[in-house]
Amino acid sequence: MTNNNEKTEYWRWLEYKKVMPNKDWKKAKIITAGVDVGSVGSKAVIMLDGEIYAWSVMRTGSNSSDSAKKALGWAMEDTGLTLEDFHYIVGTGYGRVNVPMANRAITEIACHAKGANYIWGPTVRTVLDVGGQDVKAIKIDENGKVVSFLMNDKCAAGTGRGMEVIADLLKIPIEDVGKESLRVNEEPEPVSSTCVVFAKTEAVGLLRKGWTKEKVIAAYVRAMAIRMSDLIEKVGCEKDFVITGGQSKNIGIVKRVENILGVKRLPVPNLKETGLDPVSAGAIGAALFAKALYEKSLKQ
């Protein structure tokens, strides 16, 4: 959380990766990968015959192409895999057109829908994906196909990047933002600004009025939860409901969205045991599309 100048970087979240034990890629018939280059995080998922084998989640750098290479390279680390071993790779996310090893690029909306279907099963009908710079409400069918969607990408407020800015301002570690936002006796008025720059200014003003950090972050998180809920209600919230993307880990967002909508999201699977990570839903969906596209190519 610190740099060389010993300045605490409260916004910096933990990067992670894993290779599933007891799986041998040399026995697989089809090896695919999905690489999701978002504006804040890059995720790579490697699948063997449609099952998760390895994955990585890391920060996106200044260059999308390099970020894609690093994310997939980190997921491949210690596996013995080389790029030549992959049958098909799909790129997705904000930087999907800059994934140099990809055979094809597919939108993150389609990939998150497919990934949510894989993670939670065919009963999922509504997906809230909160990315680094936009929010999407997606309706899907039992096959994980997009039925309809709405996206709010006009401002970073309420997205992963917006949360990082506010975490740094309030000196709250990004992983604790949600938990700290719930440490209030009653919900404060939400911040009124819909732009992260103005929301930051508004937060500074509230601190000067004597508000606690917990009350300020609660006001910010509540405002973002209201915006996300409005988007879901416009597209139509139908059970089962799930949340993907980095903010799926923000318990302050999750609890408030559930309260506003009056519906509980499906529980998050155990990542260590299953490899099913809502943060990587887009990359999971991309790897699944890669398998389907490779199989289709064999029939042509």
Foldseek 3Di string as FASTA:
>chain_A
DADPVRDDQLLDDDKDKDFAPPDALVPAPAKEKEWAQEQFKIKMFIDGVLATGMMIIDTHDPASQVRRVVRVVVRCPPRPDDLVSHLAYEYEYPCRVNPVSHPYYDYLLLLLLQLVCVQPHQFAAWEWEAAQQKIKIFGAGSNSGTPDMDMDRPARQLHSVLLSVLCRLLVHRSLCLLVLLPPDPDQDAADDDPHSVVLSVVLVVVVVVVDHSNNSSVNSLLVSLVVSLVRNVVVPDDPPYAYAADCSSRNNSQVNNCVVVVHHHDDGDDCSVRVRHSNCSSGSSRRVVRVVVSVVVVVD
